[in-house]
Amino acid sequence: MPVGPIYTADGVTPSTPRYDRFTGQVISQAHGKYYEATSRGFLYSGCASGLTPTTGLATASPLTLYNPVGSGKRLAIKKVSMGPGATGTLGSGTQFHCVYTINGPVATQSNVAPTGTAVSPVNCDIGAASSSVASLLSTATLNANPLKLYPFAQQGQAIGGTTAAYAQVVTEDVDGNIILEPGSGWTLQGVTASGTSPVVSIGVVWEEIPIG
């Protein structure tokens, strides 16, 4: 039972697994967990600033990621981030991951796709061309309210751009726990107090996985 390092040439699988002194099998990760998807050009990112957060579920969406019908790919959300703007006062409450579908089974949009200001997806393999199938829209309009999936973060009342503000950028490693099939979408919406002219920045990272 080998306990030390095993050296092989590229493409050769060792005939015997490596174990430690306590008979536990030793495994290692060759690169970061998103390296494979990124190096193949499957990982995309997009963000927008100066967005107005919602104070309840609404058809007005600060940022939405939509997987068009017939895209031929699933969109697996990997990370979501939100940070306060330099001005305005956030209202206390909770931000939620919210979802919708064009024609059911949840938060149906009655076959009406979202509209808004297009945000160009960036291939996370920097320097590679973007061939994203996704539609990322800021200041978007949905046809019907989305469905709350689960809480993203608690939002506390804070004044942007002041030393008294404790609000920071919040990032969740979603890690593929939210998958958008063709004809479905995601948005971040709050159920909060109104605050005073609050603005935020929202970003999302997703993997585009061929269906087949």
C-alpha atoms as a PDB file:
ATOM      1  CA  MET A   1       0.000   0.000   0.000  1.00  0.00           C
ATOM      2  CA  PRO A   2       1.900   3.110  -1.191  1.00  0.00           C
ATOM      3  CA  VAL A   3       1.969   5.971   1.325  1.00  0.00           C
ATOM      4  CA  GLY A   4       4.374   8.369  -0.378  1.00  0.00           C
ATOM      5  CA  PRO A   5       4.022  10.432  -3.545  1.00  0.00           C
ATOM      6  CA  ILE A   6       3.358   8.564  -6.792  1.00  0.00           C
ATOM      7  CA  TYR A   7       4.922  10.064  -9.920  1.00  0.00           C
ATOM      8  CA  THR A   8       3.517   9.313 -13.378  1.00  0.00           C
ATOM      9  CA  ALA A   9       3.712  10.759 -16.860  1.00  0.00           C
ATOM     10  CA  ASP A  10       0.891  12.923 -18.214  1.00  0.00           C
ATOM     11  CA  GLY A  11      -2.131  10.855 -19.201  1.00  0.00           C
ATOM     12  CA  VAL A  12      -1.108   7.819 -17.161  1.00  0.00           C
ATOM     13  CA  THR A  13      -3.426   6.640 -14.363  1.00  0.00           C
ATOM     14  CA  PRO A  14      -1.648   5.043 -11.390  1.00  0.00           C
ATOM     15  CA  SER A  15      -2.579   1.378 -10.946  1.00  0.00           C
ATOM     16  CA  THR A  16      -2.700   1.784  -7.149  1.00  0.00           C
ATOM     17  CA  PRO A  17      -4.321   4.703  -5.284  1.00  0.00           C
ATOM     18  CA  ARG A  18      -2.213   6.598  -2.777  1.00  0.00           C
ATOM     19  CA  TYR A  19      -3.115   6.320   0.933  1.00  0.00           C
ATOM     20  CA  ASP A  20      -1.926   8.243   3.982  1.00  0.00           C
ATOM     21  CA  ARG A  21      -0.626   6.739   7.233  1.00  0.00           C
ATOM     22  CA  PHE A  22      -4.185   6.303   8.502  1.00  0.00           C
ATOM     23  CA  THR A  23      -5.314   4.422   5.344  1.00  0.00           C
ATOM     24  CA  GLY A  24      -7.235   7.424   4.039  1.00  0.00           C
ATOM     25  CA  GLN A  25      -7.081   7.766   0.257  1.00  0.00           C
ATOM     26  CA  VAL A  26      -5.188  10.901  -0.780  1.00  0.00           C
ATOM     27  CA  ILE A  27      -6.805  13.047  -3.440  1.00  0.00           C
ATOM     28  CA  SER A  28      -5.910  16.546  -4.606  1.00  0.00           C
ATOM     29  CA  GLN A  29      -7.453  19.279  -6.725  1.00  0.00           C
ATOM     30  CA  ALA A  30      -5.289  20.194  -9.672  1.00  0.00           C
ATOM     31  CA  HIS A  31      -6.547  23.788  -9.937  1.00  0.00           C
ATOM     32  CA  GLY A  32      -9.234  26.070  -8.537  1.00  0.00           C
ATOM     33  CA  LYS A  33     -12.721  24.568  -8.703  1.00  0.00           C
ATOM     34  CA  TYR A  34     -13.813  26.866 -11.538  1.00  0.00           C
ATOM     35  CA  TYR A  35     -10.620  26.472 -13.578  1.00  0.00           C
ATOM     36  CA  GLU A  36     -11.912  23.752 -15.906  1.00  0.00           C
ATOM     37  CA  ALA A  37     -15.099  25.624 -16.827  1.00  0.00           C
ATOM     38  CA  THR A  38     -13.216  28.910 -17.190  1.00  0.00           C
ATOM     39  CA  SER A  39     -10.400  27.495 -19.335  1.00  0.00           C
ATOM     40  CA  ARG A  40     -12.987  25.980 -21.694  1.00  0.00           C
ATOM     41  CA  GLY A  41     -14.717  29.343 -22.091  1.00  0.00           C
ATOM     42  CA  PHE A  42     -17.903  28.267 -20.317  1.00  0.00           C
ATOM     43  CA  LEU A  43     -17.808  30.777 -17.428  1.00  0.00           C
ATOM     44  CA  TYR A  44     -19.237  34.281 -17.818  1.00  0.00           C
ATOM     45  CA  SER A  45     -19.661  37.323 -15.617  1.00  0.00           C
ATOM     46  CA  GLY A  46     -21.596  40.560 -15.719  1.00  0.00           C
ATOM     47  CA  CYS A  47     -22.461  43.413 -13.367  1.00  0.00           C
ATOM     48  CA  ALA A  48     -24.123  46.800 -13.248  1.00  0.00           C
ATOM     49  CA  SER A  49     -23.938  49.786 -10.885  1.00  0.00           C
ATOM     50  CA  GLY A  50     -26.279  52.590  -9.897  1.00  0.00           C
ATOM     51  CA  LEU A  51     -29.170  50.148  -9.563  1.00  0.00           C
ATOM     52  CA  THR A  52     -32.266  50.815  -7.465  1.00  0.00           C
ATOM     53  CA  PRO A  53     -33.004  47.858  -5.173  1.00  0.00           C
ATOM     54  CA  THR A  54     -36.597  46.767  -4.757  1.00  0.00           C
ATOM     55  CA  THR A  55     -38.483  47.035  -1.468  1.00  0.00           C
ATOM     56  CA  GLY A  56     -40.749  44.102  -2.338  1.00  0.00           C
ATOM     57  CA  LEU A  57     -41.212  41.556  -5.085  1.00  0.00           C
ATOM     58  CA  ALA A  58     -41.859  43.537  -8.236  1.00  0.00           C
ATOM     59  CA  THR A  59     -41.780  43.492 -12.011  1.00  0.00           C
ATOM     60  CA  ALA A  60     -39.075  46.174 -11.844  1.00  0.00           C
ATOM     61  CA  SER A  61     -35.837  44.189 -11.603  1.00  0.00           C
ATOM     62  CA  PRO A  62     -32.479  45.877 -10.909  1.00  0.00           C
ATOM     63  CA  LEU A  63     -30.605  43.071 -12.686  1.00  0.00           C
ATOM     64  CA  THR A  64     -31.831  39.842 -14.252  1.00  0.00           C
ATOM     65  CA  LEU A  65     -30.106  36.878 -15.871  1.00  0.00           C
ATOM     66  CA  TYR A  66     -32.344  35.188 -18.425  1.00  0.00           C
ATOM     67  CA  ASN A  67     -31.797  31.964 -20.359  1.00  0.00           C
ATOM     68  CA  PRO A  68     -33.653  32.351 -23.660  1.00  0.00           C
ATOM     69  CA  VAL A  69     -35.954  29.645 -24.964  1.00  0.00           C
ATOM     70  CA  GLY A  70     -34.046  27.411 -27.400  1.00  0.00           C
ATOM     71  CA  SER A  71     -30.596  28.408 -26.095  1.00  0.00           C
ATOM     72  CA  GLY A  72     -29.503  24.771 -25.927  1.00  0.00           C
ATOM     73  CA  LYS A  73     -27.664  25.426 -22.650  1.00  0.00           C
ATOM     74  CA  ARG A  74     -28.255  25.440 -18.916  1.00  0.00           C
ATOM     75  CA  LEU A  75     -27.004  28.431 -16.925  1.00  0.00           C
ATOM     76  CA  ALA A  76     -25.515  27.351 -13.591  1.00  0.00           C
ATOM     77  CA  ILE A  77     -25.081  30.359 -11.298  1.00  0.00           C
ATOM     78  CA  LYS A  78     -21.719  30.248  -9.508  1.00  0.00           C
ATOM     79  CA  LYS A  79     -21.418  33.547  -7.620  1.00  0.00           C
ATOM     80  CA  VAL A  80     -23.605  36.546  -6.816  1.00  0.00           C
ATOM     81  CA  SER A  81     -22.386  39.822  -5.300  1.00  0.00           C
ATOM     82  CA  MET A  82     -24.072  43.016  -4.151  1.00  0.00           C
ATOM     83  CA  GLY A  83     -22.547  46.180  -2.759  1.00  0.00           C
ATOM     84  CA  PRO A  84     -23.944  49.567  -1.703  1.00  0.00           C
ATOM     85  CA  GLY A  85     -23.454  52.690  -3.756  1.00  0.00           C
ATOM     86  CA  ALA A  86     -21.558  55.797  -2.654  1.00  0.00           C
ATOM     87  CA  THR A  87     -24.740  57.717  -1.923  1.00  0.00           C
ATOM     88  CA  GLY A  88     -28.209  57.093  -0.563  1.00  0.00           C
ATOM     89  CA  THR A  89     -29.480  55.231   2.494  1.00  0.00           C
ATOM     90  CA  LEU A  90     -30.286  51.541   2.340  1.00  0.00           C
ATOM     91  CA  GLY A  91     -33.421  50.342   4.113  1.00  0.00           C
ATOM     92  CA  SER A  92     -33.336  47.420   6.530  1.00  0.00           C
ATOM     93  CA  GLY A  93     -34.627  44.068   5.306  1.00  0.00           C
ATOM     94  CA  THR A  94     -33.567  41.040   3.283  1.00  0.00           C
ATOM     95  CA  GLN A  95     -32.383  40.479  -0.266  1.00  0.00           C
ATOM     96  CA  PHE A  96     -33.606  37.279  -1.944  1.00  0.00           C
ATOM     97  CA  HIS A  97     -32.612  35.101  -4.852  1.00  0.00           C
ATOM     98  CA  CYS A  98     -35.735  35.189  -7.006  1.00  0.00           C
ATOM     99  CA  VAL A  99     -36.633  33.179 -10.102  1.00  0.00           C
ATOM    100  CA  TYR A 100     -39.234  33.039 -12.851  1.00  0.00           C
ATOM    101  CA  THR A 101     -40.138  31.037 -15.929  1.00  0.00           C
ATOM    102  CA  ILE A 102     -41.541  32.178 -19.233  1.00  0.00           C
ATOM    103  CA  ASN A 103     -44.456  29.764 -19.154  1.00  0.00           C
ATOM    104  CA  GLY A 104     -44.415  27.909 -15.807  1.00  0.00           C
ATOM    105  CA  PRO A 105     -44.171  26.018 -13.601  1.00  0.00           C
ATOM    106  CA  VAL A 106     -43.118  28.904 -11.289  1.00  0.00           C
ATOM    107  CA  ALA A 107     -43.724  32.668 -11.582  1.00  0.00           C
ATOM    108  CA  THR A 108     -44.943  32.379 -15.151  1.00  0.00           C
ATOM    109  CA  GLN A 109     -44.319  35.373 -17.368  1.00  0.00           C
ATOM    110  CA  SER A 110     -47.053  34.366 -19.849  1.00  0.00           C
ATOM    111  CA  ASN A 111     -44.519  33.887 -22.646  1.00  0.00           C
ATOM    112  CA  VAL A 112     -43.199  37.456 -22.329  1.00  0.00           C
ATOM    113  CA  ALA A 113     -39.405  37.713 -22.115  1.00  0.00           C
ATOM    114  CA  PRO A 114     -37.851  40.377 -19.852  1.00  0.00           C
ATOM    115  CA  THR A 115     -36.740  43.697 -21.299  1.00  0.00           C
ATOM    116  CA  GLY A 116     -34.173  46.221 -20.123  1.00  0.00           C
ATOM    117  CA  THR A 117     -30.703  47.615 -20.726  1.00  0.00           C
ATOM    118  CA  ALA A 118     -28.403  44.932 -22.098  1.00  0.00           C
ATOM    119  CA  VAL A 119     -25.238  44.187 -20.103  1.00  0.00           C
ATOM    120  CA  SER A 120     -22.582  42.426 -22.178  1.00  0.00           C
ATOM    121  CA  PRO A 121     -21.433  39.154 -20.591  1.00  0.00           C
ATOM    122  CA  VAL A 122     -17.652  38.883 -20.186  1.00  0.00           C
ATOM    123  CA  ASN A 123     -15.914  35.572 -20.765  1.00  0.00           C
ATOM    124  CA  CYS A 124     -13.999  34.813 -17.547  1.00  0.00           C
ATOM    125  CA  ASP A 125     -11.239  33.325 -19.694  1.00  0.00           C
ATOM    126  CA  ILE A 126     -10.010  36.853 -20.263  1.00  0.00           C
ATOM    127  CA  GLY A 127      -8.957  37.355 -23.860  1.00  0.00           C
ATOM    128  CA  ALA A 128     -11.314  34.702 -25.199  1.00  0.00           C
ATOM    129  CA  ALA A 129     -14.281  35.715 -27.319  1.00  0.00           C
ATOM    130  CA  SER A 130     -17.760  35.879 -25.795  1.00  0.00           C
ATOM    131  CA  SER A 131     -20.272  33.455 -27.233  1.00  0.00           C
ATOM    132  CA  SER A 132     -22.716  33.664 -24.332  1.00  0.00           C
ATOM    133  CA  VAL A 133     -26.306  32.661 -24.977  1.00  0.00           C
ATOM    134  CA  ALA A 134     -27.533  34.496 -21.873  1.00  0.00           C
ATOM    135  CA  SER A 135     -29.473  37.729 -21.721  1.00  0.00           C
ATOM    136  CA  LEU A 136     -28.239  39.927 -18.854  1.00  0.00           C
ATOM    137  CA  LEU A 137     -30.370  43.042 -18.335  1.00  0.00           C
ATOM    138  CA  SER A 138     -30.155  45.936 -15.903  1.00  0.00           C
ATOM    139  CA  THR A 139     -33.103  48.144 -14.941  1.00  0.00           C
ATOM    140  CA  ALA A 140     -35.222  45.350 -16.344  1.00  0.00           C
ATOM    141  CA  THR A 141     -38.955  44.834 -16.552  1.00  0.00           C
ATOM    142  CA  LEU A 142     -40.601  41.461 -15.959  1.00  0.00           C
ATOM    143  CA  ASN A 143     -44.123  40.624 -17.035  1.00  0.00           C
ATOM    144  CA  ALA A 144     -45.032  39.315 -13.557  1.00  0.00           C
ATOM    145  CA  ASN A 145     -43.481  39.220 -10.103  1.00  0.00           C
ATOM    146  CA  PRO A 146     -40.756  36.592  -9.565  1.00  0.00           C
ATOM    147  CA  LEU A 147     -40.771  33.866  -6.905  1.00  0.00           C
ATOM    148  CA  LYS A 148     -38.575  34.045  -3.784  1.00  0.00           C
ATOM    149  CA  LEU A 149     -36.161  31.107  -3.804  1.00  0.00           C
ATOM    150  CA  TYR A 150     -34.128  31.712  -0.622  1.00  0.00           C
ATOM    151  CA  PRO A 151     -32.500  34.661   1.211  1.00  0.00           C
ATOM    152  CA  PHE A 152     -29.281  36.087  -0.192  1.00  0.00           C
ATOM    153  CA  ALA A 153     -28.315  38.538   2.559  1.00  0.00           C
ATOM    154  CA  GLN A 154     -29.646  40.714   5.333  1.00  0.00           C
ATOM    155  CA  GLN A 155     -29.662  44.381   4.431  1.00  0.00           C
ATOM    156  CA  GLY A 156     -29.079  46.879   7.235  1.00  0.00           C
ATOM    157  CA  GLN A 157     -29.845  50.561   7.172  1.00  0.00           C
ATOM    158  CA  ALA A 158     -26.677  52.437   6.287  1.00  0.00           C
ATOM    159  CA  ILE A 159     -25.718  55.712   4.628  1.00  0.00           C
ATOM    160  CA  GLY A 160     -23.571  55.234   1.551  1.00  0.00           C
ATOM    161  CA  GLY A 161     -20.131  56.828   1.535  1.00  0.00           C
ATOM    162  CA  THR A 162     -19.907  57.499   5.287  1.00  0.00           C
ATOM    163  CA  THR A 163     -17.577  56.086   7.919  1.00  0.00           C
ATOM    164  CA  ALA A 164     -20.640  55.157   9.954  1.00  0.00           C
ATOM    165  CA  ALA A 165     -21.898  52.846   7.222  1.00  0.00           C
ATOM    166  CA  TYR A 166     -21.175  49.188   7.904  1.00  0.00           C
ATOM    167  CA  ALA A 167     -22.610  47.865   4.677  1.00  0.00           C
ATOM    168  CA  GLN A 168     -20.066  45.959   2.594  1.00  0.00           C
ATOM    169  CA  VAL A 169     -19.963  43.957  -0.605  1.00  0.00           C
ATOM    170  CA  VAL A 170     -21.722  40.641   0.041  1.00  0.00           C
ATOM    171  CA  THR A 171     -20.735  37.649  -2.093  1.00  0.00           C
ATOM    172  CA  GLU A 172     -22.326  34.203  -2.104  1.00  0.00           C
ATOM    173  CA  ASP A 173     -20.592  31.211  -3.650  1.00  0.00           C
ATOM    174  CA  VAL A 174     -23.775  29.741  -5.124  1.00  0.00           C
ATOM    175  CA  ASP A 175     -21.644  27.029  -6.775  1.00  0.00           C
ATOM    176  CA  GLY A 176     -24.299  25.826  -9.227  1.00  0.00           C
ATOM    177  CA  ASN A 177     -27.120  25.464  -6.694  1.00  0.00           C
ATOM    178  CA  ILE A 178     -29.314  27.602  -8.967  1.00  0.00           C
ATOM    179  CA  ILE A 179     -29.656  26.344 -12.539  1.00  0.00           C
ATOM    180  CA  LEU A 180     -31.622  28.174 -15.207  1.00  0.00           C
ATOM    181  CA  GLU A 181     -33.162  25.944 -17.848  1.00  0.00           C
ATOM    182  CA  PRO A 182     -34.018  27.553 -21.206  1.00  0.00           C
ATOM    183  CA  GLY A 183     -36.982  29.853 -20.668  1.00  0.00           C
ATOM    184  CA  SER A 184     -36.180  30.737 -17.054  1.00  0.00           C
ATOM    185  CA  GLY A 185     -34.485  33.591 -15.241  1.00  0.00           C
ATOM    186  CA  TRP A 186     -32.976  34.848 -12.007  1.00  0.00           C
ATOM    187  CA  THR A 187     -33.042  38.206 -10.271  1.00  0.00           C
ATOM    188  CA  LEU A 188     -32.036  39.662  -6.900  1.00  0.00           C
ATOM    189  CA  GLN A 189     -34.880  41.455  -5.143  1.00  0.00           C
ATOM    190  CA  GLY A 190     -35.320  42.863  -1.659  1.00  0.00           C
ATOM    191  CA  VAL A 191     -38.126  42.933   0.865  1.00  0.00           C
ATOM    192  CA  THR A 192     -36.957  45.969   2.787  1.00  0.00           C
ATOM    193  CA  ALA A 193     -37.754  49.404   4.126  1.00  0.00           C
ATOM    194  CA  SER A 194     -37.571  52.085   1.473  1.00  0.00           C
ATOM    195  CA  GLY A 195     -34.475  53.941   2.678  1.00  0.00           C
ATOM    196  CA  THR A 196     -33.580  57.209   0.965  1.00  0.00           C
ATOM    197  CA  SER A 197     -32.591  57.038  -2.723  1.00  0.00           C
ATOM    198  CA  PRO A 198     -30.487  53.885  -2.264  1.00  0.00           C
ATOM    199  CA  VAL A 199     -28.299  52.567  -5.082  1.00  0.00           C
ATOM    200  CA  VAL A 200     -26.395  49.290  -5.318  1.00  0.00           C
ATOM    201  CA  SER A 201     -24.099  47.324  -7.596  1.00  0.00           C
ATOM    202  CA  ILE A 202     -24.964  43.717  -8.439  1.00  0.00           C
ATOM    203  CA  GLY A 203     -22.820  41.112 -10.173  1.00  0.00           C
ATOM    204  CA  VAL A 204     -23.364  37.509 -11.210  1.00  0.00           C
ATOM    205  CA  VAL A 205     -21.075  34.734 -12.474  1.00  0.00           C
ATOM    206  CA  TRP A 206     -22.513  31.737 -14.311  1.00  0.00           C
ATOM    207  CA  GLU A 207     -21.462  28.675 -16.304  1.00  0.00           C
ATOM    208  CA  GLU A 208     -23.080  27.819 -19.639  1.00  0.00           C
ATOM    209  CA  ILE A 209     -23.431  24.038 -19.925  1.00  0.00           C
ATOM    210  CA  PRO A 210     -24.536  22.423 -23.206  1.00  0.00           C
ATOM    211  CA  ILE A 211     -27.694  20.309 -22.955  1.00  0.00           C
ATOM    212  CA  GLY A 212     -27.304  16.927 -24.560  1.00  0.00           C
END
